[in-house]
Amino acid sequence: MEAYPGNHRAFCIRAYYRNGDSIVSAQRLYRAEFNVRNAPKDDTIRKWIRMFENTGSSWSKLDNNLTTDGKNLFCQVCSKSVSLYYLNLNAFNY
């Protein structure tokens, strides 16, 4: 199986949702956007969508500290983002 970069995965997921949940449309748009002959297989796109809906990410491996419960995932990601923000502020002595 080929490894697709995150921006390619995100493009497929966005195209899927913007075109009436159509895998075929997502594949067609992918081929046009990235000027390639072969798009990811329909099973691959379905897997990315399922992962995205369950975890908020298309990658199969998330940070081990994150849960797959939607509310908790959102809270934990926000919490990490805020703490990183304050770390960056302290690094620049703001």
C-alpha atoms as a PDB file:
ATOM      1  CA  MET A   1       0.000   0.000   0.000  1.00  0.00           C
ATOM      2  CA  GLU A   2       1.270   3.449  -0.872  1.00  0.00           C
ATOM      3  CA  ALA A   3       1.710   6.039   1.813  1.00  0.00           C
ATOM      4  CA  TYR A   4      -0.139   9.243   1.018  1.00  0.00           C
ATOM      5  CA  PRO A   5       0.897  12.529   2.622  1.00  0.00           C
ATOM      6  CA  GLY A   6      -1.488  14.273   4.975  1.00  0.00           C
ATOM      7  CA  ASN A   7      -2.497  16.968   2.487  1.00  0.00           C
ATOM      8  CA  HIS A   8      -3.544  14.277  -0.029  1.00  0.00           C
ATOM      9  CA  ARG A   9      -5.602  12.497   2.626  1.00  0.00           C
ATOM     10  CA  ALA A  10      -7.216  15.760   3.701  1.00  0.00           C
ATOM     11  CA  PHE A  11      -8.029  16.613   0.090  1.00  0.00           C
ATOM     12  CA  CYS A  12      -9.811  13.276  -0.403  1.00  0.00           C
ATOM     13  CA  ILE A  13     -11.795  13.616   2.818  1.00  0.00           C
ATOM     14  CA  ARG A  14     -12.825  17.188   1.989  1.00  0.00           C
ATOM     15  CA  ALA A  15     -13.753  16.232  -1.587  1.00  0.00           C
ATOM     16  CA  TYR A  16     -15.823  13.321  -0.283  1.00  0.00           C
ATOM     17  CA  TYR A  17     -17.895  15.516   2.033  1.00  0.00           C
ATOM     18  CA  ARG A  18     -18.235  18.407  -0.427  1.00  0.00           C
ATOM     19  CA  ASN A  19     -19.554  16.164  -3.191  1.00  0.00           C
ATOM     20  CA  GLY A  20     -22.448  14.385  -1.557  1.00  0.00           C
ATOM     21  CA  ASP A  21     -20.406  11.671   0.165  1.00  0.00           C
ATOM     22  CA  SER A  22     -19.189  10.350  -3.196  1.00  0.00           C
ATOM     23  CA  ILE A  23     -15.996   8.296  -3.284  1.00  0.00           C
ATOM     24  CA  VAL A  24     -15.959   8.376  -7.103  1.00  0.00           C
ATOM     25  CA  SER A  25     -16.142  12.185  -7.141  1.00  0.00           C
ATOM     26  CA  ALA A  26     -13.370  12.390  -4.553  1.00  0.00           C
ATOM     27  CA  GLN A  27     -11.181  10.126  -6.705  1.00  0.00           C
ATOM     28  CA  ARG A  28     -11.922  12.132  -9.842  1.00  0.00           C
ATOM     29  CA  LEU A  29     -11.089  15.413  -8.129  1.00  0.00           C
ATOM     30  CA  TYR A  30      -7.933  13.883  -6.623  1.00  0.00           C
ATOM     31  CA  ARG A  31      -6.684  12.862 -10.070  1.00  0.00           C
ATOM     32  CA  ALA A  32      -7.355  16.352 -11.422  1.00  0.00           C
ATOM     33  CA  GLU A  33      -5.860  18.181  -8.421  1.00  0.00           C
ATOM     34  CA  PHE A  34      -2.624  16.208  -8.233  1.00  0.00           C
ATOM     35  CA  ASN A  35      -2.370  15.475 -11.986  1.00  0.00           C
ATOM     36  CA  VAL A  36      -1.970  11.713 -11.538  1.00  0.00           C
ATOM     37  CA  ARG A  37      -3.545   8.732 -13.285  1.00  0.00           C
ATOM     38  CA  ASN A  38      -4.328   6.709 -10.178  1.00  0.00           C
ATOM     39  CA  ALA A  39      -6.264   7.918  -7.174  1.00  0.00           C
ATOM     40  CA  PRO A  40      -6.363   6.149  -3.804  1.00  0.00           C
ATOM     41  CA  LYS A  41      -8.587   3.071  -3.846  1.00  0.00           C
ATOM     42  CA  ASP A  42     -12.131   3.409  -2.581  1.00  0.00           C
ATOM     43  CA  ASP A  43     -11.379   1.188   0.428  1.00  0.00           C
ATOM     44  CA  THR A  44      -8.443   3.417   1.328  1.00  0.00           C
ATOM     45  CA  ILE A  45     -10.568   6.571   1.216  1.00  0.00           C
ATOM     46  CA  ARG A  46     -13.293   4.855   3.263  1.00  0.00           C
ATOM     47  CA  LYS A  47     -10.672   3.916   5.859  1.00  0.00           C
ATOM     48  CA  TRP A  48      -9.447   7.531   6.042  1.00  0.00           C
ATOM     49  CA  ILE A  49     -13.005   8.791   6.428  1.00  0.00           C
ATOM     50  CA  ARG A  50     -13.780   6.244   9.137  1.00  0.00           C
ATOM     51  CA  MET A  51     -10.590   7.183  11.006  1.00  0.00           C
ATOM     52  CA  PHE A  52     -11.377  10.889  10.625  1.00  0.00           C
ATOM     53  CA  GLU A  53     -14.922  10.462  11.927  1.00  0.00           C
ATOM     54  CA  ASN A  54     -13.770   8.359  14.885  1.00  0.00           C
ATOM     55  CA  THR A  55     -10.629  10.227  15.899  1.00  0.00           C
ATOM     56  CA  GLY A  56     -10.501  13.571  14.112  1.00  0.00           C
ATOM     57  CA  SER A  57      -7.444  12.411  12.163  1.00  0.00           C
ATOM     58  CA  SER A  58      -6.888  10.339   9.034  1.00  0.00           C
ATOM     59  CA  TRP A  59      -3.729   8.807  10.469  1.00  0.00           C
ATOM     60  CA  SER A  60      -4.024   5.395  12.079  1.00  0.00           C
ATOM     61  CA  LYS A  61      -1.692   6.218  14.971  1.00  0.00           C
ATOM     62  CA  LEU A  62      -2.554   9.074  17.257  1.00  0.00           C
ATOM     63  CA  ASP A  63      -0.837  10.338  20.353  1.00  0.00           C
ATOM     64  CA  ASN A  64      -1.248   7.580  22.959  1.00  0.00           C
ATOM     65  CA  ASN A  65      -2.599  10.092  25.481  1.00  0.00           C
ATOM     66  CA  LEU A  66      -5.573  10.974  23.281  1.00  0.00           C
ATOM     67  CA  THR A  67      -8.819   9.062  23.496  1.00  0.00           C
ATOM     68  CA  THR A  68     -11.172   8.353  20.610  1.00  0.00           C
ATOM     69  CA  ASP A  69     -14.219   9.804  22.385  1.00  0.00           C
ATOM     70  CA  GLY A  70     -15.118  12.913  20.390  1.00  0.00           C
ATOM     71  CA  LYS A  71     -15.622  15.344  23.292  1.00  0.00           C
ATOM     72  CA  ASN A  72     -12.575  14.147  25.188  1.00  0.00           C
ATOM     73  CA  LEU A  73     -10.462  14.204  22.037  1.00  0.00           C
ATOM     74  CA  PHE A  74     -11.470  17.798  21.336  1.00  0.00           C
ATOM     75  CA  CYS A  75     -10.783  18.867  24.927  1.00  0.00           C
ATOM     76  CA  GLN A  76      -7.408  17.136  25.026  1.00  0.00           C
ATOM     77  CA  VAL A  77      -6.315  18.606  21.692  1.00  0.00           C
ATOM     78  CA  CYS A  78      -7.423  22.091  22.787  1.00  0.00           C
ATOM     79  CA  SER A  79      -5.653  21.680  26.110  1.00  0.00           C
ATOM     80  CA  LYS A  80      -2.419  20.648  24.395  1.00  0.00           C
ATOM     81  CA  SER A  81      -2.709  23.549  21.944  1.00  0.00           C
ATOM     82  CA  VAL A  82      -3.203  26.073  24.748  1.00  0.00           C
ATOM     83  CA  SER A  83      -0.292  24.700  26.761  1.00  0.00           C
ATOM     84  CA  LEU A  84       1.953  24.801  23.664  1.00  0.00           C
ATOM     85  CA  TYR A  85       0.846  28.382  23.039  1.00  0.00           C
ATOM     86  CA  TYR A  86       1.888  29.415  26.538  1.00  0.00           C
ATOM     87  CA  LEU A  87       5.181  27.524  26.203  1.00  0.00           C
ATOM     88  CA  ASN A  88       5.934  29.493  23.034  1.00  0.00           C
ATOM     89  CA  LEU A  89       5.056  32.769  24.753  1.00  0.00           C
ATOM     90  CA  ASN A  90       7.429  31.952  27.609  1.00  0.00           C
ATOM     91  CA  ALA A  91      10.168  31.044  25.154  1.00  0.00           C
ATOM     92  CA  PHE A  92       9.959  34.526  23.661  1.00  0.00           C
ATOM     93  CA  ASN A  93       9.607  36.239  27.073  1.00  0.00           C
ATOM     94  CA  TYR A  94       6.199  37.806  26.417  1.00  0.00           C
END
